[in-house]
Amino acid sequence: MSSYILDREEEFWNIANDKIGECEHFSEFVSKMADHKNLLQGTGDEDHFEDALAVAWEEKWSKYL
């Protein structure tokens, strides 16, 4: 079962990595990823969805500052 959860979490972050470059604002990124939040069920990240996305956002865009 844990393999299934890890696979779904990896799928979520793969989608996030694709979507993050399409977004001009963090709120837009959160909105686009809300459709995929169910992929985080069982990971614990579902409770900290926006926090996890904020970390990814900062990592992505800090390279360009």
N, C-alpha and C. Protein backbone atom coordinates (compact mmCIF):
# COMPACT_ATOMS: atom_id res chain seq x y z
N MET A 1 0.81 -1.20 0.00
CA MET A 1 0.00 0.00 0.00
C MET A 1 0.85 1.26 0.00
N SER A 2 1.96 1.26 0.73
CA SER A 2 2.78 2.46 0.78
C SER A 2 3.39 2.79 -0.58
N SER A 3 3.63 1.77 -1.39
CA SER A 3 4.14 2.00 -2.73
C SER A 3 3.12 2.78 -3.56
N TYR A 4 1.87 2.45 -3.39
CA TYR A 4 0.79 3.14 -4.08
C TYR A 4 0.75 4.61 -3.67
N ILE A 5 0.85 4.88 -2.39
CA ILE A 5 0.84 6.25 -1.87
C ILE A 5 2.03 7.03 -2.39
N LEU A 6 3.20 6.41 -2.37
CA LEU A 6 4.40 7.08 -2.87
C LEU A 6 4.30 7.37 -4.37
N ASP A 7 3.72 6.44 -5.12
CA ASP A 7 3.55 6.66 -6.56
C ASP A 7 2.61 7.83 -6.83
N ARG A 8 1.55 7.91 -6.05
CA ARG A 8 0.60 9.02 -6.22
C ARG A 8 1.23 10.35 -5.81
N GLU A 9 2.03 10.35 -4.76
CA GLU A 9 2.72 11.56 -4.35
C GLU A 9 3.71 12.01 -5.43
N GLU A 10 4.41 11.06 -6.01
CA GLU A 10 5.35 11.38 -7.09
C GLU A 10 4.59 11.95 -8.29
N GLU A 11 3.44 11.38 -8.60
CA GLU A 11 2.61 11.90 -9.69
C GLU A 11 2.19 13.34 -9.41
N PHE A 12 1.81 13.62 -8.16
CA PHE A 12 1.43 14.98 -7.78
C PHE A 12 2.57 15.95 -8.04
N TRP A 13 3.78 15.60 -7.59
CA TRP A 13 4.92 16.52 -7.74
C TRP A 13 5.38 16.62 -9.19
N ASN A 14 5.18 15.59 -9.98
CA ASN A 14 5.47 15.70 -11.41
C ASN A 14 4.53 16.70 -12.07
N ILE A 15 3.26 16.63 -11.71
CA ILE A 15 2.28 17.59 -12.23
C ILE A 15 2.63 18.99 -11.75
N ALA A 16 2.97 19.12 -10.47
CA ALA A 16 3.34 20.43 -9.91
C ALA A 16 4.52 21.03 -10.66
N ASN A 17 5.51 20.21 -10.95
CA ASN A 17 6.68 20.71 -11.68
C ASN A 17 6.32 21.19 -13.07
N ASP A 18 5.34 20.57 -13.70
CA ASP A 18 4.88 21.02 -15.01
C ASP A 18 4.07 22.31 -14.91
N LYS A 19 3.21 22.39 -13.92
CA LYS A 19 2.28 23.53 -13.78
C LYS A 19 2.96 24.79 -13.26
N ILE A 20 3.98 24.63 -12.44
CA ILE A 20 4.59 25.79 -11.77
C ILE A 20 5.12 26.82 -12.76
N GLY A 21 5.65 26.36 -13.86
CA GLY A 21 6.20 27.28 -14.85
C GLY A 21 5.13 28.00 -15.65
N GLU A 22 3.91 27.52 -15.59
CA GLU A 22 2.80 28.13 -16.31
C GLU A 22 2.14 29.26 -15.51
N CYS A 23 2.49 29.38 -14.24
CA CYS A 23 1.79 30.30 -13.34
C CYS A 23 2.60 31.56 -13.06
N GLU A 24 1.91 32.69 -13.07
CA GLU A 24 2.55 33.96 -12.76
C GLU A 24 2.48 34.30 -11.28
N HIS A 25 1.50 33.74 -10.59
CA HIS A 25 1.29 34.05 -9.17
C HIS A 25 1.11 32.75 -8.39
N PHE A 26 1.52 32.79 -7.14
CA PHE A 26 1.39 31.62 -6.28
C PHE A 26 -0.06 31.16 -6.17
N SER A 27 -0.99 32.09 -6.07
CA SER A 27 -2.40 31.73 -5.94
C SER A 27 -2.90 30.98 -7.17
N GLU A 28 -2.39 31.32 -8.33
CA GLU A 28 -2.74 30.61 -9.55
C GLU A 28 -2.21 29.17 -9.50
N PHE A 29 -1.01 29.00 -9.00
CA PHE A 29 -0.39 27.69 -8.84
C PHE A 29 -1.22 26.82 -7.88
N VAL A 30 -1.61 27.40 -6.76
CA VAL A 30 -2.43 26.67 -5.78
C VAL A 30 -3.74 26.25 -6.42
N SER A 31 -4.34 27.15 -7.15
CA SER A 31 -5.62 26.86 -7.80
C SER A 31 -5.50 25.71 -8.79
N LYS A 32 -4.45 25.74 -9.60
CA LYS A 32 -4.26 24.67 -10.58
C LYS A 32 -3.97 23.32 -9.92
N MET A 33 -3.28 23.36 -8.80
CA MET A 33 -2.92 22.11 -8.12
C MET A 33 -4.04 21.57 -7.24
N ALA A 34 -5.04 22.39 -6.94
CA ALA A 34 -6.15 21.95 -6.10
C ALA A 34 -6.87 20.75 -6.72
N ASP A 35 -6.92 20.71 -8.04
CA ASP A 35 -7.55 19.58 -8.74
C ASP A 35 -6.81 18.27 -8.52
N HIS A 36 -5.57 18.35 -8.08
CA HIS A 36 -4.73 17.16 -7.92
C HIS A 36 -4.43 16.85 -6.46
N LYS A 37 -5.03 17.60 -5.56
CA LYS A 37 -4.77 17.43 -4.12
C LYS A 37 -5.05 16.01 -3.64
N ASN A 38 -6.02 15.35 -4.26
CA ASN A 38 -6.38 13.99 -3.85
C ASN A 38 -5.22 13.01 -4.00
N LEU A 39 -4.25 13.35 -4.82
CA LEU A 39 -3.08 12.47 -5.00
C LEU A 39 -2.22 12.42 -3.74
N LEU A 40 -2.41 13.36 -2.84
CA LEU A 40 -1.62 13.42 -1.61
C LEU A 40 -2.27 12.67 -0.45
N GLN A 41 -3.42 12.08 -0.66
CA GLN A 41 -4.09 11.36 0.42
C GLN A 41 -3.17 10.29 0.99
N GLY A 42 -3.04 10.30 2.31
CA GLY A 42 -2.23 9.31 3.00
C GLY A 42 -0.77 9.71 3.18
N THR A 43 -0.38 10.87 2.66
CA THR A 43 1.02 11.29 2.75
C THR A 43 1.28 12.23 3.92
N GLY A 44 0.25 12.86 4.44
CA GLY A 44 0.42 13.88 5.46
C GLY A 44 0.54 15.26 4.84
N ASP A 45 0.97 15.33 3.58
CA ASP A 45 1.09 16.62 2.90
C ASP A 45 -0.27 17.21 2.56
N GLU A 46 -1.29 16.36 2.56
CA GLU A 46 -2.62 16.87 2.23
C GLU A 46 -3.08 17.90 3.26
N ASP A 47 -2.63 17.76 4.49
CA ASP A 47 -2.98 18.71 5.55
C ASP A 47 -2.19 20.01 5.43
N HIS A 48 -1.08 19.96 4.73
CA HIS A 48 -0.19 21.12 4.58
C HIS A 48 0.01 21.43 3.10
N PHE A 49 -1.06 21.27 2.35
CA PHE A 49 -1.05 21.40 0.90
C PHE A 49 -0.42 22.71 0.43
N GLU A 50 -0.92 23.83 0.93
CA GLU A 50 -0.41 25.13 0.49
C GLU A 50 1.02 25.36 0.97
N ASP A 51 1.34 24.88 2.16
CA ASP A 51 2.71 25.03 2.66
C ASP A 51 3.69 24.27 1.77
N ALA A 52 3.33 23.06 1.38
CA ALA A 52 4.20 22.26 0.51
C ALA A 52 4.37 22.94 -0.85
N LEU A 53 3.28 23.49 -1.37
CA LEU A 53 3.36 24.20 -2.65
C LEU A 53 4.19 25.47 -2.52
N ALA A 54 4.10 26.14 -1.38
CA ALA A 54 4.89 27.35 -1.16
C ALA A 54 6.38 27.06 -1.19
N VAL A 55 6.78 25.93 -0.63
CA VAL A 55 8.19 25.53 -0.65
C VAL A 55 8.62 25.30 -2.09
N ALA A 56 7.81 24.59 -2.85
CA ALA A 56 8.14 24.33 -4.26
C ALA A 56 8.22 25.64 -5.04
N TRP A 57 7.29 26.56 -4.78
CA TRP A 57 7.26 27.86 -5.46
C TRP A 57 8.54 28.64 -5.17
N GLU A 58 8.92 28.69 -3.91
CA GLU A 58 10.13 29.42 -3.52
C GLU A 58 11.37 28.80 -4.15
N GLU A 59 11.45 27.48 -4.15
CA GLU A 59 12.61 26.81 -4.75
C GLU A 59 12.70 27.11 -6.24
N LYS A 60 11.57 27.09 -6.92
CA LYS A 60 11.56 27.33 -8.36
C LYS A 60 11.97 28.76 -8.70
N TRP A 61 11.33 29.73 -8.06
CA TRP A 61 11.53 31.12 -8.46
C TRP A 61 12.71 31.80 -7.78
N SER A 62 13.26 31.22 -6.73
CA SER A 62 14.43 31.82 -6.10
C SER A 62 15.65 31.76 -7.01
N LYS A 63 15.65 30.87 -7.96
CA LYS A 63 16.74 30.75 -8.93
C LYS A 63 16.83 31.97 -9.84
N TYR A 64 15.74 32.71 -9.94
CA TYR A 64 15.67 33.82 -10.88
C TYR A 64 15.77 35.19 -10.20
N LEU A 65 16.02 35.20 -8.91
CA LEU A 65 16.11 36.48 -8.19
C LEU A 65 17.53 36.98 -8.14
